[in-house]
């Protein structure tokens, strides 16, 4: 197994979905998946704000990544291509300092 392969990561998540019959048991329903992602973000936040270990943080981020890969499976889109398309857009954006922190966003004139 090539642990650096996106294709193998996607296949592992697909196997997990298949094993637990996510497509037949509500595991691929988007409202549910969004709730799970919000839960994982909360766990990531807790790791940071409570000073938990880097290993704990890595585990929670991995949970979120698995959910993201699973969402691409559930909604049948190419996450890898979407990633590269978005990186190209981000690479063309200017950055700004807002409240002392860097932001790279689509800044819209709100005047």
Protein backbone atom coordinates (compact mmCIF):
# COMPACT_ATOMS: atom_id res chain seq x y z
CA UNK A 1 0.00 0.00 0.00
CA UNK A 2 1.30 3.43 -0.96
CA UNK A 3 0.41 5.73 1.94
CA UNK A 4 1.23 8.77 -0.22
CA UNK A 5 -1.40 7.88 -2.82
CA UNK A 6 -4.60 9.91 -2.94
CA UNK A 7 -6.21 7.08 -4.90
CA UNK A 8 -5.45 4.61 -2.13
CA UNK A 9 -6.74 7.01 0.53
CA UNK A 10 -9.98 7.39 -1.41
CA UNK A 11 -10.22 3.61 -1.83
CA UNK A 12 -9.76 3.10 1.92
CA UNK A 13 -12.59 5.54 2.68
CA UNK A 14 -14.76 3.89 0.01
CA UNK A 15 -14.10 0.49 1.63
CA UNK A 16 -15.13 1.96 4.99
CA UNK A 17 -18.36 3.30 3.45
CA UNK A 18 -19.02 -0.07 1.81
CA UNK A 19 -18.29 -2.04 4.99
CA UNK A 20 -20.84 -0.01 6.95
CA UNK A 21 -23.28 0.35 4.03
CA UNK A 22 -23.28 4.14 4.33
CA UNK A 23 -25.11 4.64 1.03
CA UNK A 24 -28.01 2.47 2.28
CA UNK A 25 -28.08 3.55 5.93
CA UNK A 26 -27.99 7.37 5.81
CA UNK A 27 -24.23 7.71 6.24
CA UNK A 28 -23.93 9.62 2.98
CA UNK A 29 -26.82 12.03 3.63
CA UNK A 30 -25.40 15.55 3.47
CA UNK A 31 -27.14 17.13 6.48
CA UNK A 32 -25.80 14.29 8.62
CA UNK A 33 -22.31 14.64 7.13
CA UNK A 34 -22.29 18.40 7.80
CA UNK A 35 -23.21 17.72 11.44
CA UNK A 36 -20.32 15.24 11.67
CA UNK A 37 -17.91 17.77 10.16
CA UNK A 38 -19.06 20.42 12.63
CA UNK A 39 -18.50 17.93 15.45
CA UNK A 40 -14.98 17.24 14.22
CA UNK A 41 -14.23 20.97 13.95
CA UNK A 42 -15.33 21.27 17.57
CA UNK A 43 -12.94 18.49 18.54
CA UNK A 44 -10.12 20.20 16.61
CA UNK A 45 -10.93 23.44 18.42
CA UNK A 46 -10.85 21.65 21.76
CA UNK A 47 -7.42 20.24 20.98
CA UNK A 48 -6.08 23.71 20.28
CA UNK A 49 -7.83 25.65 23.05
CA UNK A 50 -7.18 23.02 25.71
CA UNK A 51 -3.53 22.53 24.75
CA UNK A 52 -3.89 18.87 23.84
CA UNK A 53 -1.03 17.04 22.17
CA UNK A 54 -0.07 17.32 18.54
CA UNK A 55 -0.96 13.61 18.17
CA UNK A 56 -4.51 14.31 19.42
CA UNK A 57 -4.82 17.23 17.03
CA UNK A 58 -3.53 15.11 14.13
CA UNK A 59 -6.12 12.41 14.89
CA UNK A 60 -8.98 14.91 14.87
CA UNK A 61 -7.77 16.53 11.65
CA UNK A 62 -7.52 13.05 10.11
CA UNK A 63 -11.15 12.43 11.13
CA UNK A 64 -12.16 15.60 9.28
CA UNK A 65 -10.11 14.60 6.24
CA UNK A 66 -11.82 11.20 6.15
CA UNK A 67 -15.19 12.95 6.29
CA UNK A 68 -14.16 15.26 3.44
CA UNK A 69 -13.04 12.34 1.29
CA UNK A 70 -16.27 10.54 2.16
CA UNK A 71 -18.28 13.58 1.13
CA UNK A 72 -16.61 13.53 -2.28
CA UNK A 73 -17.58 9.86 -2.54
CA UNK A 74 -21.15 10.48 -1.37
CA UNK A 75 -21.65 13.41 -3.76
CA UNK A 76 -19.63 11.86 -6.60
CA UNK A 77 -17.15 14.65 -7.31
CA UNK A 78 -13.41 14.65 -7.84
CA UNK A 79 -12.01 16.22 -4.68
CA UNK A 80 -8.45 16.07 -5.96
CA UNK A 81 -9.35 18.10 -9.06
CA UNK A 82 -11.45 20.47 -6.96
CA UNK A 83 -8.44 20.98 -4.68
CA UNK A 84 -6.15 21.90 -7.57
CA UNK A 85 -8.79 24.14 -9.18
CA UNK A 86 -9.22 26.01 -5.89
CA UNK A 87 -5.45 26.30 -5.33
CA UNK A 88 -5.15 27.91 -8.74
CA UNK A 89 -7.82 30.46 -7.80
CA UNK A 90 -6.20 31.12 -4.42
CA UNK A 91 -2.83 31.62 -6.08
CA UNK A 92 -4.25 34.51 -8.08
CA UNK A 93 -5.68 36.34 -5.06
CA UNK A 94 -4.13 39.20 -3.18
CA UNK A 95 -3.79 39.05 0.58
CA UNK A 96 -4.72 41.64 3.20
CA UNK A 97 -4.02 42.14 6.85
CA UNK A 98 -7.31 42.25 8.74
CA UNK A 99 -7.27 42.73 12.50
CA UNK A 100 -3.58 41.84 12.56
CA UNK A 101 -3.94 38.56 10.65
CA UNK A 102 -3.38 37.69 7.02
CA UNK A 103 -6.44 36.91 4.88
CA UNK A 104 -6.49 35.60 1.33
CA UNK A 105 -10.08 35.87 0.23
CA UNK A 106 -12.34 37.20 -2.45
CA UNK A 107 -12.52 40.68 -1.04
CA UNK A 108 -15.72 42.33 -2.10
CA UNK A 109 -16.31 46.03 -1.86
CA UNK A 110 -19.02 46.43 0.79
CA UNK A 111 -19.25 50.22 0.60
